[in-house]
C-alpha atoms as a PDB file:
ATOM      1  CA  MET A   1      45.456  16.502 -12.127  1.00  0.00           C
ATOM      2  CA  THR A   2      49.090  15.655 -12.760  1.00  0.00           C
ATOM      3  CA  ARG A   3      50.270  13.967 -15.936  1.00  0.00           C
ATOM      4  CA  PRO A   4      51.409  10.800 -14.119  1.00  0.00           C
ATOM      5  CA  LEU A   5      47.990  10.548 -12.480  1.00  0.00           C
ATOM      6  CA  ALA A   6      46.271  11.023 -15.840  1.00  0.00           C
ATOM      7  CA  ALA A   7      48.447   8.261 -17.307  1.00  0.00           C
ATOM      8  CA  LEU A   8      47.641   5.983 -14.370  1.00  0.00           C
ATOM      9  CA  ILE A   9      43.911   6.605 -14.851  1.00  0.00           C
ATOM     10  CA  LEU A  10      44.146   5.935 -18.616  1.00  0.00           C
ATOM     11  CA  VAL A  11      45.827   2.581 -18.055  1.00  0.00           C
ATOM     12  CA  ALA A  12      43.376   1.663 -15.283  1.00  0.00           C
ATOM     13  CA  LEU A  13      40.414   2.527 -17.520  1.00  0.00           C
ATOM     14  CA  TRP A  14      41.769   0.408 -20.363  1.00  0.00           C
ATOM     15  CA  CYS A  15      42.438  -2.514 -18.024  1.00  0.00           C
ATOM     16  CA  GLY A  16      38.895  -2.235 -16.671  1.00  0.00           C
ATOM     17  CA  ALA A  17      37.402  -2.106 -20.170  1.00  0.00           C
ATOM     18  CA  ALA A  18      39.436  -5.106 -21.318  1.00  0.00           C
ATOM     19  CA  LEU A  19      38.521  -7.075 -18.202  1.00  0.00           C
ATOM     20  CA  LEU A  20      34.836  -6.213 -18.653  1.00  0.00           C
ATOM     21  CA  THR A  21      35.035  -7.345 -22.280  1.00  0.00           C
ATOM     22  CA  VAL A  22      36.542 -10.736 -21.512  1.00  0.00           C
ATOM     23  CA  THR A  23      34.562 -11.499 -18.349  1.00  0.00           C
ATOM     24  CA  VAL A  24      31.123 -10.027 -19.143  1.00  0.00           C
ATOM     25  CA  VAL A  25      30.625  -8.851 -22.728  1.00  0.00           C
ATOM     26  CA  ALA A  26      32.008 -11.853 -24.623  1.00  0.00           C
ATOM     27  CA  PRO A  27      30.528 -14.577 -22.394  1.00  0.00           C
ATOM     28  CA  GLY A  28      27.246 -12.649 -22.195  1.00  0.00           C
ATOM     29  CA  ALA A  29      26.995 -12.397 -25.974  1.00  0.00           C
ATOM     30  CA  PHE A  30      27.479 -16.139 -26.349  1.00  0.00           C
ATOM     31  CA  ALA A  31      24.964 -16.813 -23.559  1.00  0.00           C
ATOM     32  CA  VAL A  32      22.079 -14.654 -24.786  1.00  0.00           C
ATOM     33  CA  LEU A  33      22.334 -14.229 -28.547  1.00  0.00           C
ATOM     34  CA  PRO A  34      20.496 -16.856 -30.582  1.00  0.00           C
ATOM     35  CA  THR A  35      23.540 -18.108 -32.529  1.00  0.00           C
ATOM     36  CA  ARG A  36      27.265 -18.375 -31.933  1.00  0.00           C
ATOM     37  CA  ALA A  37      27.755 -16.604 -35.260  1.00  0.00           C
ATOM     38  CA  LEU A  38      25.856 -13.513 -34.045  1.00  0.00           C
ATOM     39  CA  ALA A  39      27.721 -13.547 -30.748  1.00  0.00           C
ATOM     40  CA  GLY A  40      31.015 -13.822 -32.611  1.00  0.00           C
ATOM     41  CA  GLU A  41      30.068 -10.887 -34.836  1.00  0.00           C
ATOM     42  CA  MET A  42      29.150  -8.772 -31.825  1.00  0.00           C
ATOM     43  CA  VAL A  43      32.337  -9.557 -29.949  1.00  0.00           C
ATOM     44  CA  GLY A  44      34.228  -9.042 -33.208  1.00  0.00           C
ATOM     45  CA  ARG A  45      32.973  -5.449 -33.228  1.00  0.00           C
ATOM     46  CA  VAL A  46      34.052  -4.804 -29.644  1.00  0.00           C
ATOM     47  CA  LEU A  47      37.547  -6.304 -29.772  1.00  0.00           C
ATOM     48  CA  PRO A  48      39.036  -3.901 -32.357  1.00  0.00           C
ATOM     49  CA  VAL A  49      38.247  -1.021 -29.995  1.00  0.00           C
ATOM     50  CA  VAL A  50      39.939  -2.853 -27.121  1.00  0.00           C
ATOM     51  CA  PHE A  51      42.964  -3.647 -29.299  1.00  0.00           C
ATOM     52  CA  ALA A  52      43.182  -0.052 -30.554  1.00  0.00           C
ATOM     53  CA  GLY A  53      43.140   1.120 -26.945  1.00  0.00           C
ATOM     54  CA  ALA A  54      46.072  -1.168 -26.158  1.00  0.00           C
ATOM     55  CA  ILE A  55      48.033   0.701 -28.820  1.00  0.00           C
ATOM     56  CA  ILE A  56      46.880   4.228 -27.979  1.00  0.00           C
ATOM     57  CA  VAL A  57      47.082   4.040 -24.175  1.00  0.00           C
ATOM     58  CA  PRO A  58      50.776   3.084 -23.883  1.00  0.00           C
ATOM     59  CA  ALA A  59      51.652   5.744 -26.466  1.00  0.00           C
ATOM     60  CA  ALA A  60      49.713   8.303 -24.417  1.00  0.00           C
ATOM     61  CA  VAL A  61      51.484   7.195 -21.224  1.00  0.00           C
ATOM     62  CA  LEU A  62      54.882   7.619 -22.850  1.00  0.00           C
ATOM     63  CA  GLY A  63      53.815  11.024 -24.126  1.00  0.00           C
ATOM     64  CA  LEU A  64      52.385  12.190 -20.812  1.00  0.00           C
ATOM     65  CA  VAL A  65      55.081  10.928 -18.467  1.00  0.00           C
ATOM     66  CA  PRO A  66      58.686  11.685 -19.461  1.00  0.00           C
ATOM     67  CA  ALA A  67      59.957   9.400 -16.683  1.00  0.00           C
ATOM     68  CA  ALA A  68      58.117   6.484 -18.313  1.00  0.00           C
ATOM     69  CA  ARG A  69      60.245   6.963 -21.437  1.00  0.00           C
ATOM     70  CA  ARG A  70      63.325   6.399 -19.276  1.00  0.00           C
ATOM     71  CA  SER A  71      61.929   3.295 -17.585  1.00  0.00           C
ATOM     72  CA  ALA A  72      62.831  -0.025 -19.162  1.00  0.00           C
ATOM     73  CA  LEU A  73      59.770  -1.602 -17.549  1.00  0.00           C
ATOM     74  CA  ALA A  74      57.361   1.059 -18.852  1.00  0.00           C
ATOM     75  CA  LEU A  75      58.875   0.910 -22.331  1.00  0.00           C
ATOM     76  CA  THR A  76      58.878  -2.889 -22.444  1.00  0.00           C
ATOM     77  CA  THR A  77      55.322  -3.288 -21.199  1.00  0.00           C
ATOM     78  CA  GLY A  78      54.018  -0.482 -23.405  1.00  0.00           C
ATOM     79  CA  VAL A  79      55.696  -1.840 -26.527  1.00  0.00           C
ATOM     80  CA  ALA A  80      54.622  -5.416 -25.720  1.00  0.00           C
ATOM     81  CA  ALA A  81      50.990  -4.358 -25.343  1.00  0.00           C
ATOM     82  CA  ALA A  82      51.040  -2.263 -28.503  1.00  0.00           C
ATOM     83  CA  VAL A  83      52.740  -4.939 -30.616  1.00  0.00           C
ATOM     84  CA  ALA A  84      50.394  -7.686 -29.370  1.00  0.00           C
ATOM     85  CA  ALA A  85      47.358  -5.516 -30.037  1.00  0.00           C
ATOM     86  CA  GLY A  86      48.679  -4.421 -33.424  1.00  0.00           C
ATOM     87  CA  VAL A  87      49.250  -7.993 -34.557  1.00  0.00           C
ATOM     88  CA  ALA A  88      45.755  -8.947 -33.393  1.00  0.00           C
ATOM     89  CA  LEU A  89      44.132  -5.907 -34.960  1.00  0.00           C
ATOM     90  CA  TRP A  90      45.935  -5.819 -38.306  1.00  0.00           C
ATOM     91  CA  VAL A  91      46.989  -9.430 -38.894  1.00  0.00           C
ATOM     92  CA  VAL A  92      44.842 -11.915 -36.976  1.00  0.00           C
ATOM     93  CA  ASN A  93      41.412 -10.225 -36.996  1.00  0.00           C
ATOM     94  CA  PRO A  94      41.422  -9.575 -40.777  1.00  0.00           C
ATOM     95  CA  ARG A  95      42.295 -13.242 -41.343  1.00  0.00           C
ATOM     96  CA  ILE A  96      39.417 -14.300 -39.107  1.00  0.00           C
ATOM     97  CA  ALA A  97      37.058 -11.995 -41.020  1.00  0.00           C
ATOM     98  CA  ALA A  98      38.275 -13.331 -44.372  1.00  0.00           C
ATOM     99  CA  LEU A  99      37.856 -16.900 -43.162  1.00  0.00           C
ATOM    100  CA  ARG A 100      34.290 -16.212 -42.020  1.00  0.00           C
ATOM    101  CA  ALA A 101      33.447 -14.584 -45.360  1.00  0.00           C
ATOM    102  CA  ALA A 102      34.966 -17.430 -47.369  1.00  0.00           C
ATOM    103  CA  ALA A 103      33.204 -20.113 -45.319  1.00  0.00           C
ATOM    104  CA  VAL A 104      29.768 -18.997 -46.585  1.00  0.00           C
ATOM    105  CA  MET A 105      28.178 -20.607 -43.524  1.00  0.00           C
ATOM    106  CA  PRO A 106      28.803 -20.039 -39.818  1.00  0.00           C
ATOM    107  CA  ILE A 107      32.103 -21.557 -38.706  1.00  0.00           C
ATOM    108  CA  ASP A 108      30.436 -23.707 -36.049  1.00  0.00           C
ATOM    109  CA  GLN A 109      28.340 -25.366 -38.774  1.00  0.00           C
ATOM    110  CA  LEU A 110      31.410 -26.552 -40.681  1.00  0.00           C
ATOM    111  CA  ALA A 111      32.417 -30.164 -40.222  1.00  0.00           C
ATOM    112  CA  PRO A 112      34.836 -30.628 -37.307  1.00  0.00           C
ATOM    113  CA  ALA A 113      37.497 -31.898 -39.722  1.00  0.00           C
ATOM    114  CA  ASP A 114      37.093 -28.927 -42.099  1.00  0.00           C
ATOM    115  CA  PRO A 115      40.459 -27.119 -42.358  1.00  0.00           C
ATOM    116  CA  ARG A 116      38.660 -23.746 -42.261  1.00  0.00           C
ATOM    117  CA  ARG A 117      37.230 -24.611 -38.863  1.00  0.00           C
ATOM    118  CA  ALA A 118      40.646 -25.707 -37.634  1.00  0.00           C
ATOM    119  CA  MET A 119      42.225 -22.491 -38.945  1.00  0.00           C
ATOM    120  CA  PHE A 120      39.500 -20.428 -37.266  1.00  0.00           C
ATOM    121  CA  GLY A 121      40.223 -22.205 -33.973  1.00  0.00           C
ATOM    122  CA  LEU A 122      43.929 -21.497 -34.330  1.00  0.00           C
ATOM    123  CA  LEU A 123      43.398 -17.826 -35.203  1.00  0.00           C
ATOM    124  CA  HIS A 124      40.891 -17.422 -32.375  1.00  0.00           C
ATOM    125  CA  GLY A 125      43.406 -18.900 -29.941  1.00  0.00           C
ATOM    126  CA  VAL A 126      46.118 -16.556 -31.183  1.00  0.00           C
ATOM    127  CA  SER A 127      43.769 -13.577 -30.817  1.00  0.00           C
ATOM    128  CA  VAL A 128      42.901 -14.576 -27.252  1.00  0.00           C
ATOM    129  CA  ALA A 129      46.593 -15.031 -26.412  1.00  0.00           C
ATOM    130  CA  LEU A 130      47.468 -11.636 -27.876  1.00  0.00           C
ATOM    131  CA  LEU A 131      44.713  -9.948 -25.867  1.00  0.00           C
ATOM    132  CA  GLY A 132      45.948 -11.757 -22.766  1.00  0.00           C
ATOM    133  CA  LEU A 133      49.484 -10.566 -23.421  1.00  0.00           C
ATOM    134  CA  ALA A 134      48.314  -6.975 -23.902  1.00  0.00           C
ATOM    135  CA  MET A 135      46.299  -7.179 -20.690  1.00  0.00           C
ATOM    136  CA  LEU A 136      49.195  -8.595 -18.665  1.00  0.00           C
ATOM    137  CA  ALA A 137      51.580  -5.999 -20.070  1.00  0.00           C
ATOM    138  CA  LEU A 138      49.263  -3.112 -19.258  1.00  0.00           C
ATOM    139  CA  VAL A 139      48.503  -4.445 -15.783  1.00  0.00           C
ATOM    140  CA  ALA A 140      52.274  -4.520 -15.206  1.00  0.00           C
ATOM    141  CA  LEU A 141      52.461  -0.935 -16.504  1.00  0.00           C
ATOM    142  CA  LEU A 142      49.592   0.033 -14.191  1.00  0.00           C
ATOM    143  CA  VAL A 143      51.393  -1.418 -11.171  1.00  0.00           C
ATOM    144  CA  HIS A 144      54.614   0.329 -12.217  1.00  0.00           C
ATOM    145  CA  LEU A 145      52.848   3.694 -12.582  1.00  0.00           C
ATOM    146  CA  ALA A 146      51.038   3.239  -9.254  1.00  0.00           C
ATOM    147  CA  ARG A 147      54.296   2.454  -7.448  1.00  0.00           C
ATOM    148  CA  ALA A 148      55.996   5.444  -9.036  1.00  0.00           C
ATOM    149  CA  ALA A 149      53.087   7.668  -7.978  1.00  0.00           C
ATOM    150  CA  ALA A 150      53.247   6.323  -4.430  1.00  0.00           C
ATOM    151  CA  GLU A 151      56.986   7.042  -4.268  1.00  0.00           C
ATOM    152  CA  ARG A 152      56.391  10.640  -5.410  1.00  0.00           C
ATOM    153  CA  ALA A 153      53.533  11.242  -2.969  1.00  0.00           C
ATOM    154  CA  PRO A 154      54.408  12.930   0.300  1.00  0.00           C
ATOM    155  CA  SER A 155      54.149  10.638   3.304  1.00  0.00           C
ATOM    156  CA  SER A 156      51.332  11.249   5.760  1.00  0.00           C
ATOM    157  CA  GLY A 157      53.774  12.586   8.346  1.00  0.00           C
ATOM    158  CA  GLU A 158      55.220  15.303   6.098  1.00  0.00           C
ATOM    159  CA  ALA A 159      53.906  18.848   5.946  1.00  0.00           C
ATOM    160  CA  ARG A 160      51.960  19.568   2.793  1.00  0.00           C
END
């Protein structure tokens, strides 16, 4: 397996895992677990792994594929994904955890006008947006890597 192909597979695997998380795992947790608080805790354990992957995978791509380090698109998408995931992982998620701990009761049981509930909603929205940004950036990187691989591949009419 070539390094560019390995990089392409890494990005595709991360994109698949992130898509599975947002389309199956998170909605499934909220659908089947007895409380929103438990579902939130479960999803809160999965998301840090997804965010960490959005930092590690672009770094691995840049390490594996020297041409990616010379590509403005690869650099921009990789850095965008890593920064978005880093902010979510090390800034937003700890604030959500601290807010949950300080609330003493599940967030959804707080009064709608409670500022802690409003802050949770804001932080949750920011976290979702950051994951969306990381996903879009890495899908763009995936497309870029796939196009580069297709350009390097011999055409079907050429001798191999």
